[in-house]
Amino acid sequence: MRLKKYLTEIDASVFKDMNKGVYKGKKFWSGVYSLRKNNIVSTTTYEEAEKNDFHHSFYIKDNLIKEIANGSALFFWVEFTGVLNADWHINIGDNKSRAVILKQIKKKIKIIK
């Protein structure tokens, strides 16, 4: 029984704060990176995304959803492990381009581990 309680406490602590990114002093879970502006144009907390059942169309502005769809912006998030990840569309480019863009995002944020 103690092992089960211990694992439950670990699980709770791991998922306690899913906002592992910090941008301009504010914690966030996900964001939108503009390829035209080479900048982060939007961030969202995990709680806001969860409240909207993780349907980004409910918590990301319409113009940014269009930019994501046409490949001029990228949806990204910081996983609970502290790993930066991104949605990837074929019209953005190959894996080398993906790695370069993720590096650009990493330079602009702080990741909490």
PDB file of N, CA and C in Angstrom:
ATOM      1  N   MET A   1       0.814  -1.207   0.000  1.00  0.00           N
ATOM      2  CA  MET A   1       0.000   0.000   0.000  1.00  0.00           C
ATOM      3  C   MET A   1       0.852   1.263   0.000  1.00  0.00           C
ATOM      4  N   ARG A   2       1.994   1.237   0.682  1.00  0.00           N
ATOM      5  CA  ARG A   2       2.832   2.433   0.726  1.00  0.00           C
ATOM      6  C   ARG A   2       3.355   2.788  -0.660  1.00  0.00           C
ATOM      7  N   LEU A   3       3.686   1.765  -1.471  1.00  0.00           N
ATOM      8  CA  LEU A   3       4.178   2.022  -2.824  1.00  0.00           C
ATOM      9  C   LEU A   3       3.102   2.716  -3.652  1.00  0.00           C
ATOM     10  N   LYS A   4       1.867   2.246  -3.551  1.00  0.00           N
ATOM     11  CA  LYS A   4       0.769   2.861  -4.300  1.00  0.00           C
ATOM     12  C   LYS A   4       0.584   4.325  -3.882  1.00  0.00           C
ATOM     13  N   LYS A   5       0.630   4.594  -2.576  1.00  0.00           N
ATOM     14  CA  LYS A   5       0.491   5.971  -2.085  1.00  0.00           C
ATOM     15  C   LYS A   5       1.644   6.837  -2.590  1.00  0.00           C
ATOM     16  N   TYR A   6       2.857   6.287  -2.546  1.00  0.00           N
ATOM     17  CA  TYR A   6       4.038   7.006  -3.026  1.00  0.00           C
ATOM     18  C   TYR A   6       3.904   7.347  -4.506  1.00  0.00           C
ATOM     19  N   LEU A   7       3.498   6.365  -5.316  1.00  0.00           N
ATOM     20  CA  LEU A   7       3.344   6.606  -6.759  1.00  0.00           C
ATOM     21  C   LEU A   7       2.244   7.621  -7.027  1.00  0.00           C
ATOM     22  N   THR A   8       1.187   7.579  -6.261  1.00  0.00           N
ATOM     23  CA  THR A   8       0.102   8.557  -6.414  1.00  0.00           C
ATOM     24  C   THR A   8       0.610   9.964  -6.105  1.00  0.00           C
ATOM     25  N   GLU A   9       1.431  10.100  -5.060  1.00  0.00           N
ATOM     26  CA  GLU A   9       1.999  11.407  -4.713  1.00  0.00           C
ATOM     27  C   GLU A   9       2.945  11.898  -5.805  1.00  0.00           C
ATOM     28  N   ILE A  10       3.737  10.999  -6.390  1.00  0.00           N
ATOM     29  CA  ILE A  10       4.635  11.374  -7.489  1.00  0.00           C
ATOM     30  C   ILE A  10       3.814  11.827  -8.685  1.00  0.00           C
ATOM     31  N   ASP A  11       2.788  11.058  -9.048  1.00  0.00           N
ATOM     32  CA  ASP A  11       1.937  11.429 -10.179  1.00  0.00           C
ATOM     33  C   ASP A  11       1.325  12.796  -9.967  1.00  0.00           C
ATOM     34  N   ALA A  12       0.840  13.050  -8.775  1.00  0.00           N
ATOM     35  CA  ALA A  12       0.207  14.343  -8.483  1.00  0.00           C
ATOM     36  C   ALA A  12       1.216  15.472  -8.583  1.00  0.00           C
ATOM     37  N   SER A  13       2.436  15.252  -8.099  1.00  0.00           N
ATOM     38  CA  SER A  13       3.428  16.329  -8.135  1.00  0.00           C
ATOM     39  C   SER A  13       3.903  16.604  -9.557  1.00  0.00           C
ATOM     40  N   VAL A  14       3.995  15.562 -10.376  1.00  0.00           N
ATOM     41  CA  VAL A  14       4.440  15.736 -11.760  1.00  0.00           C
ATOM     42  C   VAL A  14       3.437  16.577 -12.540  1.00  0.00           C
ATOM     43  N   PHE A  15       2.163  16.330 -12.311  1.00  0.00           N
ATOM     44  CA  PHE A  15       1.134  17.013 -13.089  1.00  0.00           C
ATOM     45  C   PHE A  15       0.551  18.229 -12.374  1.00  0.00           C
ATOM     46  N   LYS A  16       1.146  18.599 -11.247  1.00  0.00           N
ATOM     47  CA  LYS A  16       0.636  19.726 -10.471  1.00  0.00           C
ATOM     48  C   LYS A  16       0.675  21.023 -11.274  1.00  0.00           C
ATOM     49  N   ASP A  17       1.780  21.284 -11.917  1.00  0.00           N
ATOM     50  CA  ASP A  17       1.899  22.510 -12.709  1.00  0.00           C
ATOM     51  C   ASP A  17       2.401  22.157 -14.100  1.00  0.00           C
ATOM     52  N   MET A  18       1.514  22.174 -15.052  1.00  0.00           N
ATOM     53  CA  MET A  18       1.871  21.819 -16.423  1.00  0.00           C
ATOM     54  C   MET A  18       2.425  23.014 -17.193  1.00  0.00           C
ATOM     55  N   ASN A  19       2.420  24.194 -16.591  1.00  0.00           N
ATOM     56  CA  ASN A  19       2.933  25.391 -17.251  1.00  0.00           C
ATOM     57  C   ASN A  19       4.444  25.448 -17.081  1.00  0.00           C
ATOM     58  N   LYS A  20       5.160  24.738 -17.953  1.00  0.00           N
ATOM     59  CA  LYS A  20       6.614  24.576 -17.822  1.00  0.00           C
ATOM     60  C   LYS A  20       7.403  25.626 -18.605  1.00  0.00           C
ATOM     61  N   GLY A  21       6.724  26.493 -19.336  1.00  0.00           N
ATOM     62  CA  GLY A  21       7.406  27.550 -20.070  1.00  0.00           C
ATOM     63  C   GLY A  21       7.195  28.899 -19.418  1.00  0.00           C
ATOM     64  N   VAL A  22       8.164  29.790 -19.612  1.00  0.00           N
ATOM     65  CA  VAL A  22       8.028  31.170 -19.142  1.00  0.00           C
ATOM     66  C   VAL A  22       8.406  32.079 -20.302  1.00  0.00           C
ATOM     67  N   TYR A  23       7.508  33.011 -20.615  1.00  0.00           N
ATOM     68  CA  TYR A  23       7.752  33.987 -21.677  1.00  0.00           C
ATOM     69  C   TYR A  23       7.335  35.352 -21.161  1.00  0.00           C
ATOM     70  N   LYS A  24       8.260  36.294 -21.216  1.00  0.00           N
ATOM     71  CA  LYS A  24       8.023  37.653 -20.712  1.00  0.00           C
ATOM     72  C   LYS A  24       7.506  37.629 -19.275  1.00  0.00           C
ATOM     73  N   GLY A  25       8.090  36.725 -18.466  1.00  0.00           N
ATOM     74  CA  GLY A  25       7.755  36.653 -17.060  1.00  0.00           C
ATOM     75  C   GLY A  25       6.477  35.904 -16.716  1.00  0.00           C
ATOM     76  N   LYS A  26       5.768  35.381 -17.716  1.00  0.00           N
ATOM     77  CA  LYS A  26       4.506  34.681 -17.461  1.00  0.00           C
ATOM     78  C   LYS A  26       4.646  33.205 -17.823  1.00  0.00           C
ATOM     79  N   LYS A  27       4.146  32.352 -16.936  1.00  0.00           N
ATOM     80  CA  LYS A  27       4.194  30.915 -17.187  1.00  0.00           C
ATOM     81  C   LYS A  27       3.154  30.539 -18.248  1.00  0.00           C
ATOM     82  N   PHE A  28       3.490  29.556 -19.066  1.00  0.00           N
ATOM     83  CA  PHE A  28       2.568  29.097 -20.096  1.00  0.00           C
ATOM     84  C   PHE A  28       2.788  27.619 -20.375  1.00  0.00           C
ATOM     85  N   TRP A  29       1.833  27.031 -21.097  1.00  0.00           N
ATOM     86  CA  TRP A  29       1.933  25.648 -21.545  1.00  0.00           C
ATOM     87  C   TRP A  29       2.170  25.591 -23.057  1.00  0.00           C
ATOM     88  N   SER A  30       1.425  26.371 -23.801  1.00  0.00           N
ATOM     89  CA  SER A  30       1.550  26.333 -25.261  1.00  0.00           C
ATOM     90  C   SER A  30       1.629  27.744 -25.834  1.00  0.00           C
ATOM     91  N   GLY A  31       1.972  27.811 -27.103  1.00  0.00           N
ATOM     92  CA  GLY A  31       2.061  29.112 -27.745  1.00  0.00           C
ATOM     93  C   GLY A  31       2.014  29.009 -29.248  1.00  0.00           C
ATOM     94  N   VAL A  32       2.029  30.172 -29.880  1.00  0.00           N
ATOM     95  CA  VAL A  32       2.073  30.267 -31.340  1.00  0.00           C
ATOM     96  C   VAL A  32       3.295  31.091 -31.701  1.00  0.00           C
ATOM     97  N   TYR A  33       4.090  30.551 -32.616  1.00  0.00           N
ATOM     98  CA  TYR A  33       5.309  31.215 -33.085  1.00  0.00           C
ATOM     99  C   TYR A  33       5.098  31.634 -34.535  1.00  0.00           C
ATOM    100  N   SER A  34       5.237  32.934 -34.804  1.00  0.00           N
ATOM    101  CA  SER A  34       5.076  33.464 -36.157  1.00  0.00           C
ATOM    102  C   SER A  34       6.386  33.304 -36.924  1.00  0.00           C
ATOM    103  N   LEU A  35       6.338  32.624 -38.043  1.00  0.00           N
ATOM    104  CA  LEU A  35       7.523  32.460 -38.879  1.00  0.00           C
ATOM    105  C   LEU A  35       7.852  33.749 -39.625  1.00  0.00           C
ATOM    106  N   ARG A  36       6.839  34.569 -39.884  1.00  0.00           N
ATOM    107  CA  ARG A  36       7.087  35.846 -40.564  1.00  0.00           C
ATOM    108  C   ARG A  36       7.737  36.858 -39.624  1.00  0.00           C
ATOM    109  N   LYS A  37       7.302  36.877 -38.376  1.00  0.00           N
ATOM    110  CA  LYS A  37       7.828  37.838 -37.403  1.00  0.00           C
ATOM    111  C   LYS A  37       9.002  37.277 -36.613  1.00  0.00           C
ATOM    112  N   ASN A  38       9.250  35.965 -36.753  1.00  0.00           N
ATOM    113  CA  ASN A  38      10.280  35.284 -35.956  1.00  0.00           C
ATOM    114  C   ASN A  38      10.116  35.587 -34.477  1.00  0.00           C
ATOM    115  N   ASN A  39       8.873  35.461 -34.012  1.00  0.00           N
ATOM    116  CA  ASN A  39       8.586  35.786 -32.625  1.00  0.00           C
ATOM    117  C   ASN A  39       7.381  35.006 -32.124  1.00  0.00           C
ATOM    118  N   ILE A  40       7.299  34.875 -30.821  1.00  0.00           N
ATOM    119  CA  ILE A  40       6.137  34.267 -30.191  1.00  0.00           C
ATOM    120  C   ILE A  40       5.031  35.315 -30.172  1.00  0.00           C
ATOM    121  N   VAL A  41       3.867  34.952 -30.696  1.00  0.00           N
ATOM    122  CA  VAL A  41       2.778  35.919 -30.801  1.00  0.00           C
ATOM    123  C   VAL A  41       1.614  35.622 -29.860  1.00  0.00           C
ATOM    124  N   SER A  42       1.666  34.458 -29.209  1.00  0.00           N
ATOM    125  CA  SER A  42       0.590  34.096 -28.298  1.00  0.00           C
ATOM    126  C   SER A  42       1.067  32.977 -27.374  1.00  0.00           C
ATOM    127  N   THR A  43       0.629  33.023 -26.115  1.00  0.00           N
ATOM    128  CA  THR A  43       0.861  31.907 -25.200  1.00  0.00           C
ATOM    129  C   THR A  43      -0.439  31.611 -24.455  1.00  0.00           C
ATOM    130  N   THR A  44      -0.550  30.367 -23.981  1.00  0.00           N
ATOM    131  CA  THR A  44      -1.747  29.917 -23.278  1.00  0.00           C
ATOM    132  C   THR A  44      -1.333  29.044 -22.103  1.00  0.00           C
ATOM    133  N   THR A  45      -2.014  29.205 -20.985  1.00  0.00           N
ATOM    134  CA  THR A  45      -1.749  28.328 -19.851  1.00  0.00           C
ATOM    135  C   THR A  45      -2.425  26.974 -20.082  1.00  0.00           C
ATOM    136  N   TYR A  46      -1.931  25.993 -19.365  1.00  0.00           N
ATOM    137  CA  TYR A  46      -2.518  24.657 -19.432  1.00  0.00           C
ATOM    138  C   TYR A  46      -3.982  24.708 -18.980  1.00  0.00           C
ATOM    139  N   GLU A  47      -4.246  25.490 -17.950  1.00  0.00           N
ATOM    140  CA  GLU A  47      -5.598  25.590 -17.411  1.00  0.00           C
ATOM    141  C   GLU A  47      -6.575  26.152 -18.446  1.00  0.00           C
ATOM    142  N   GLU A  48      -6.134  27.154 -19.197  1.00  0.00           N
ATOM    143  CA  GLU A  48      -6.991  27.733 -20.240  1.00  0.00           C
ATOM    144  C   GLU A  48      -7.260  26.706 -21.342  1.00  0.00           C
ATOM    145  N   ALA A  49      -6.227  25.980 -21.755  1.00  0.00           N
ATOM    146  CA  ALA A  49      -6.398  24.952 -22.783  1.00  0.00           C
ATOM    147  C   ALA A  49      -7.315  23.833 -22.289  1.00  0.00           C
ATOM    148  N   GLU A  50      -7.095  23.414 -21.053  1.00  0.00           N
ATOM    149  CA  GLU A  50      -7.912  22.347 -20.473  1.00  0.00           C
ATOM    150  C   GLU A  50      -9.374  22.772 -20.370  1.00  0.00           C
ATOM    151  N   LYS A  51      -9.600  24.029 -19.956  1.00  0.00           N
ATOM    152  CA  LYS A  51     -10.960  24.566 -19.841  1.00  0.00           C
ATOM    153  C   LYS A  51     -11.692  24.495 -21.186  1.00  0.00           C
ATOM    154  N   ASN A  52     -10.929  24.587 -22.283  1.00  0.00           N
ATOM    155  CA  ASN A  52     -11.492  24.534 -23.636  1.00  0.00           C
ATOM    156  C   ASN A  52     -11.309  23.163 -24.276  1.00  0.00           C
ATOM    157  N   ASP A  53     -11.114  22.148 -23.429  1.00  0.00           N
ATOM    158  CA  ASP A  53     -10.980  20.759 -23.860  1.00  0.00           C
ATOM    159  C   ASP A  53      -9.861  20.574 -24.895  1.00  0.00           C
ATOM    160  N   PHE A  54      -8.841  21.419 -24.802  1.00  0.00           N
ATOM    161  CA  PHE A  54      -7.656  21.381 -25.653  1.00  0.00           C
ATOM    162  C   PHE A  54      -7.959  21.579 -27.148  1.00  0.00           C
ATOM    163  N   HIS A  55      -9.105  22.168 -27.446  1.00  0.00           N
ATOM    164  CA  HIS A  55      -9.429  22.534 -28.837  1.00  0.00           C
ATOM    165  C   HIS A  55      -8.862  23.929 -29.075  1.00  0.00           C
ATOM    166  N   HIS A  56      -7.703  23.990 -29.756  1.00  0.00           N
ATOM    167  CA  HIS A  56      -7.018  25.281 -29.892  1.00  0.00           C
ATOM    168  C   HIS A  56      -7.873  26.337 -30.581  1.00  0.00           C
ATOM    169  N   SER A  57      -8.852  25.893 -31.361  1.00  0.00           N
ATOM    170  CA  SER A  57      -9.709  26.869 -32.028  1.00  0.00           C
ATOM    171  C   SER A  57     -10.577  27.647 -31.034  1.00  0.00           C
ATOM    172  N   PHE A  58     -10.675  27.171 -29.782  1.00  0.00           N
ATOM    173  CA  PHE A  58     -11.453  27.876 -28.768  1.00  0.00           C
ATOM    174  C   PHE A  58     -10.617  28.859 -27.952  1.00  0.00           C
ATOM    175  N   TYR A  59      -9.290  28.735 -27.991  1.00  0.00           N
ATOM    176  CA  TYR A  59      -8.478  29.632 -27.162  1.00  0.00           C
ATOM    177  C   TYR A  59      -7.361  30.349 -27.916  1.00  0.00           C
ATOM    178  N   ILE A  60      -7.248  30.104 -29.203  1.00  0.00           N
ATOM    179  CA  ILE A  60      -6.288  30.838 -30.039  1.00  0.00           C
ATOM    180  C   ILE A  60      -7.083  31.711 -31.002  1.00  0.00           C
ATOM    181  N   LYS A  61      -6.629  32.937 -31.185  1.00  0.00           N
ATOM    182  CA  LYS A  61      -7.336  33.875 -32.069  1.00  0.00           C
ATOM    183  C   LYS A  61      -7.456  33.317 -33.488  1.00  0.00           C
ATOM    184  N   ASP A  62      -8.561  33.655 -34.144  1.00  0.00           N
ATOM    185  CA  ASP A  62      -8.851  33.151 -35.491  1.00  0.00           C
ATOM    186  C   ASP A  62      -7.735  33.457 -36.493  1.00  0.00           C
ATOM    187  N   ASN A  63      -7.179  34.670 -36.429  1.00  0.00           N
ATOM    188  CA  ASN A  63      -6.131  35.019 -37.395  1.00  0.00           C
ATOM    189  C   ASN A  63      -4.896  34.128 -37.209  1.00  0.00           C
ATOM    190  N   LEU A  64      -4.608  33.751 -35.966  1.00  0.00           N
ATOM    191  CA  LEU A  64      -3.457  32.872 -35.713  1.00  0.00           C
ATOM    192  C   LEU A  64      -3.748  31.442 -36.152  1.00  0.00           C
ATOM    193  N   ILE A  65      -4.985  31.007 -36.013  1.00  0.00           N
ATOM    194  CA  ILE A  65      -5.358  29.673 -36.502  1.00  0.00           C
ATOM    195  C   ILE A  65      -5.179  29.614 -38.016  1.00  0.00           C
ATOM    196  N   LYS A  66      -5.543  30.680 -38.700  1.00  0.00           N
ATOM    197  CA  LYS A  66      -5.349  30.732 -40.158  1.00  0.00           C
ATOM    198  C   LYS A  66      -3.860  30.693 -40.513  1.00  0.00           C
ATOM    199  N   GLU A  67      -3.047  31.409 -39.741  1.00  0.00           N
ATOM    200  CA  GLU A  67      -1.598  31.402 -39.998  1.00  0.00           C
ATOM    201  C   GLU A  67      -0.998  30.018 -39.744  1.00  0.00           C
ATOM    202  N   ILE A  68      -1.477  29.342 -38.715  1.00  0.00           N
ATOM    203  CA  ILE A  68      -1.017  27.971 -38.458  1.00  0.00           C
ATOM    204  C   ILE A  68      -1.398  27.081 -39.630  1.00  0.00           C
ATOM    205  N   ALA A  69      -2.644  27.223 -40.102  1.00  0.00           N
ATOM    206  CA  ALA A  69      -3.139  26.390 -41.204  1.00  0.00           C
ATOM    207  C   ALA A  69      -2.380  26.634 -42.506  1.00  0.00           C
ATOM    208  N   ASN A  70      -1.973  27.891 -42.762  1.00  0.00           N
ATOM    209  CA  ASN A  70      -1.280  28.151 -44.035  1.00  0.00           C
ATOM    210  C   ASN A  70       0.246  28.039 -43.918  1.00  0.00           C
ATOM    211  N   GLY A  71       0.715  27.698 -42.727  1.00  0.00           N
ATOM    212  CA  GLY A  71       2.148  27.445 -42.566  1.00  0.00           C
ATOM    213  C   GLY A  71       2.991  28.657 -42.219  1.00  0.00           C
ATOM    214  N   SER A  72       2.370  29.791 -41.910  1.00  0.00           N
ATOM    215  CA  SER A  72       3.165  30.961 -41.555  1.00  0.00           C
ATOM    216  C   SER A  72       3.326  31.113 -40.038  1.00  0.00           C
ATOM    217  N   ALA A  73       2.718  30.181 -39.290  1.00  0.00           N
ATOM    218  CA  ALA A  73       2.882  30.155 -37.837  1.00  0.00           C
ATOM    219  C   ALA A  73       2.878  28.701 -37.373  1.00  0.00           C
ATOM    220  N   LEU A  74       3.379  28.505 -36.181  1.00  0.00           N
ATOM    221  CA  LEU A  74       3.552  27.155 -35.646  1.00  0.00           C
ATOM    222  C   LEU A  74       2.999  27.084 -34.229  1.00  0.00           C
ATOM    223  N   PHE A  75       2.183  26.075 -33.944  1.00  0.00           N
ATOM    224  CA  PHE A  75       1.697  25.811 -32.604  1.00  0.00           C
ATOM    225  C   PHE A  75       2.753  24.992 -31.873  1.00  0.00           C
ATOM    226  N   PHE A  76       3.124  25.407 -30.654  1.00  0.00           N
ATOM    227  CA  PHE A  76       4.120  24.664 -29.884  1.00  0.00           C
ATOM    228  C   PHE A  76       3.675  24.545 -28.430  1.00  0.00           C
ATOM    229  N   TRP A  77       4.295  23.631 -27.704  1.00  0.00           N
ATOM    230  CA  TRP A  77       3.995  23.443 -26.295  1.00  0.00           C
ATOM    231  C   TRP A  77       5.205  22.883 -25.575  1.00  0.00           C
ATOM    232  N   VAL A  78       5.196  23.053 -24.251  1.00  0.00           N
ATOM    233  CA  VAL A  78       6.250  22.502 -23.407  1.00  0.00           C
ATOM    234  C   VAL A  78       5.627  21.348 -22.629  1.00  0.00           C
ATOM    235  N   GLU A  79       6.146  20.149 -22.861  1.00  0.00           N
ATOM    236  CA  GLU A  79       5.618  18.964 -22.193  1.00  0.00           C
ATOM    237  C   GLU A  79       5.956  18.991 -20.704  1.00  0.00           C
ATOM    238  N   PHE A  80       5.258  18.193 -19.906  1.00  0.00           N
ATOM    239  CA  PHE A  80       5.476  18.197 -18.456  1.00  0.00           C
ATOM    240  C   PHE A  80       6.901  17.793 -18.101  1.00  0.00           C
ATOM    241  N   THR A  81       7.595  17.145 -19.025  1.00  0.00           N
ATOM    242  CA  THR A  81       8.988  16.747 -18.796  1.00  0.00           C
ATOM    243  C   THR A  81       9.965  17.882 -19.077  1.00  0.00           C
ATOM    244  N   GLY A  82       9.454  18.990 -19.613  1.00  0.00           N
ATOM    245  CA  GLY A  82      10.310  20.118 -19.963  1.00  0.00           C
ATOM    246  C   GLY A  82      10.788  20.092 -21.402  1.00  0.00           C
ATOM    247  N   VAL A  83      10.278  19.172 -22.201  1.00  0.00           N
ATOM    248  CA  VAL A  83      10.669  19.062 -23.611  1.00  0.00           C
ATOM    249  C   VAL A  83       9.785  19.980 -24.450  1.00  0.00           C
ATOM    250  N   LEU A  84      10.426  20.781 -25.289  1.00  0.00           N
ATOM    251  CA  LEU A  84       9.700  21.654 -26.211  1.00  0.00           C
ATOM    252  C   LEU A  84       9.276  20.831 -27.416  1.00  0.00           C
ATOM    253  N   ASN A  85       8.020  20.934 -27.799  1.00  0.00           N
ATOM    254  CA  ASN A  85       7.503  20.175 -28.932  1.00  0.00           C
ATOM    255  C   ASN A  85       6.653  21.102 -29.795  1.00  0.00           C
ATOM    256  N   ALA A  86       6.390  20.667 -31.023  1.00  0.00           N
ATOM    257  CA  ALA A  86       5.606  21.513 -31.930  1.00  0.00           C
ATOM    258  C   ALA A  86       4.786  20.665 -32.877  1.00  0.00           C
ATOM    259  N   ASP A  87       3.637  21.225 -33.227  1.00  0.00           N
ATOM    260  CA  ASP A  87       2.808  20.665 -34.278  1.00  0.00           C
ATOM    261  C   ASP A  87       3.575  20.855 -35.574  1.00  0.00           C
ATOM    262  N   TRP A  88       3.533  19.918 -36.451  1.00  0.00           N
ATOM    263  CA  TRP A  88       4.328  20.056 -37.675  1.00  0.00           C
ATOM    264  C   TRP A  88       3.480  19.794 -38.890  1.00  0.00           C
ATOM    265  N   HIS A  89       3.528  20.726 -39.838  1.00  0.00           N
ATOM    266  CA  HIS A  89       2.762  20.607 -41.078  1.00  0.00           C
ATOM    267  C   HIS A  89       3.719  20.472 -42.248  1.00  0.00           C
ATOM    268  N   ILE A  90       3.309  19.725 -43.230  1.00  0.00           N
ATOM    269  CA  ILE A  90       4.168  19.480 -44.387  1.00  0.00           C
ATOM    270  C   ILE A  90       4.531  20.765 -45.124  1.00  0.00           C
ATOM    271  N   ASN A  91       3.661  21.784 -45.067  1.00  0.00           N
ATOM    272  CA  ASN A  91       3.939  23.014 -45.808  1.00  0.00           C
ATOM    273  C   ASN A  91       4.943  23.927 -45.105  1.00  0.00           C
ATOM    274  N   ILE A  92       5.412  23.549 -43.903  1.00  0.00           N
ATOM    275  CA  ILE A  92       6.412  24.360 -43.219  1.00  0.00           C
ATOM    276  C   ILE A  92       7.818  23.946 -43.618  1.00  0.00           C
ATOM    277  N   GLY A  93       8.045  22.663 -43.737  1.00  0.00           N
ATOM    278  CA  GLY A  93       9.379  22.230 -44.146  1.00  0.00           C
ATOM    279  C   GLY A  93       9.786  20.893 -43.582  1.00  0.00           C
ATOM    280  N   ASP A  94      11.027  20.581 -43.738  1.00  0.00           N
ATOM    281  CA  ASP A  94      11.551  19.290 -43.306  1.00  0.00           C
ATOM    282  C   ASP A  94      11.992  19.331 -41.839  1.00  0.00           C
ATOM    283  N   ASN A  95      12.543  18.224 -41.362  1.00  0.00           N
ATOM    284  CA  ASN A  95      12.961  18.146 -39.953  1.00  0.00           C
ATOM    285  C   ASN A  95      14.079  19.117 -39.617  1.00  0.00           C
ATOM    286  N   LYS A  96      14.957  19.428 -40.576  1.00  0.00           N
ATOM    287  CA  LYS A  96      16.019  20.396 -40.310  1.00  0.00           C
ATOM    288  C   LYS A  96      15.400  21.762 -40.007  1.00  0.00           C
ATOM    289  N   SER A  97      14.426  22.153 -40.792  1.00  0.00           N
ATOM    290  CA  SER A  97      13.737  23.423 -40.545  1.00  0.00           C
ATOM    291  C   SER A  97      13.058  23.391 -39.189  1.00  0.00           C
ATOM    292  N   ARG A  98      12.451  22.269 -38.835  1.00  0.00           N
ATOM    293  CA  ARG A  98      11.772  22.120 -37.557  1.00  0.00           C
ATOM    294  C   ARG A  98      12.771  22.336 -36.417  1.00  0.00           C
ATOM    295  N   ALA A  99      13.930  21.725 -36.503  1.00  0.00           N
ATOM    296  CA  ALA A  99      14.948  21.863 -35.463  1.00  0.00           C
ATOM    297  C   ALA A  99      15.394  23.315 -35.320  1.00  0.00           C
ATOM    298  N   VAL A 100      15.552  23.998 -36.433  1.00  0.00           N
ATOM    299  CA  VAL A 100      15.977  25.406 -36.406  1.00  0.00           C
ATOM    300  C   VAL A 100      14.910  26.262 -35.729  1.00  0.00           C
ATOM    301  N   ILE A 101      13.660  26.036 -36.066  1.00  0.00           N
ATOM    302  CA  ILE A 101      12.576  26.830 -35.484  1.00  0.00           C
ATOM    303  C   ILE A 101      12.449  26.557 -33.988  1.00  0.00           C
ATOM    304  N   LEU A 102      12.559  25.289 -33.586  1.00  0.00           N
ATOM    305  CA  LEU A 102      12.489  24.970 -32.162  1.00  0.00           C
ATOM    306  C   LEU A 102      13.632  25.637 -31.394  1.00  0.00           C
ATOM    307  N   LYS A 103      14.815  25.722 -31.999  1.00  0.00           N
ATOM    308  CA  LYS A 103      15.938  26.423 -31.361  1.00  0.00           C
ATOM    309  C   LYS A 103      15.627  27.907 -31.206  1.00  0.00           C
ATOM    310  N   GLN A 104      14.991  28.495 -32.233  1.00  0.00           N
ATOM    311  CA  GLN A 104      14.623  29.911 -32.151  1.00  0.00           C
ATOM    312  C   GLN A 104      13.627  30.145 -31.006  1.00  0.00           C
ATOM    313  N   ILE A 105      12.659  29.247 -30.867  1.00  0.00           N
ATOM    314  CA  ILE A 105      11.682  29.370 -29.782  1.00  0.00           C
ATOM    315  C   ILE A 105      12.383  29.230 -28.435  1.00  0.00           C
ATOM    316  N   LYS A 106      13.271  28.242 -28.320  1.00  0.00           N
ATOM    317  CA  LYS A 106      13.981  27.999 -27.053  1.00  0.00           C
ATOM    318  C   LYS A 106      14.773  29.214 -26.596  1.00  0.00           C
ATOM    319  N   LYS A 107      15.294  29.981 -27.545  1.00  0.00           N
ATOM    320  CA  LYS A 107      16.064  31.179 -27.198  1.00  0.00           C
ATOM    321  C   LYS A 107      15.164  32.250 -26.565  1.00  0.00           C
ATOM    322  N   LYS A 108      13.885  32.200 -26.852  1.00  0.00           N
ATOM    323  CA  LYS A 108      12.973  33.242 -26.395  1.00  0.00           C
ATOM    324  C   LYS A 108      12.241  32.892 -25.113  1.00  0.00           C
ATOM    325  N   ILE A 109      12.322  31.630 -24.685  1.00  0.00           N
ATOM    326  CA  ILE A 109      11.595  31.207 -23.493  1.00  0.00           C
ATOM    327  C   ILE A 109      12.539  30.598 -22.458  1.00  0.00           C
ATOM    328  N   LYS A 110      12.011  30.442 -21.275  1.00  0.00           N
ATOM    329  CA  LYS A 110      12.704  29.688 -20.229  1.00  0.00           C
ATOM    330  C   LYS A 110      11.867  28.455 -19.974  1.00  0.00           C
ATOM    331  N   ILE A 111      12.516  27.298 -19.810  1.00  0.00           N
ATOM    332  CA  ILE A 111      11.795  26.068 -19.510  1.00  0.00           C
ATOM    333  C   ILE A 111      12.072  25.689 -18.056  1.00  0.00           C
ATOM    334  N   ILE A 112      10.996  25.448 -17.326  1.00  0.00           N
ATOM    335  CA  ILE A 112      11.071  25.030 -15.928  1.00  0.00           C
ATOM    336  C   ILE A 112      11.072  23.504 -15.902  1.00  0.00           C
ATOM    337  N   LYS A 113      12.041  22.945 -15.217  1.00  0.00           N
ATOM    338  CA  LYS A 113      12.099  21.465 -15.142  1.00  0.00           C
ATOM    339  C   LYS A 113      11.629  20.981 -13.808  1.00  0.00           C
TER     340      LYS A 113
END
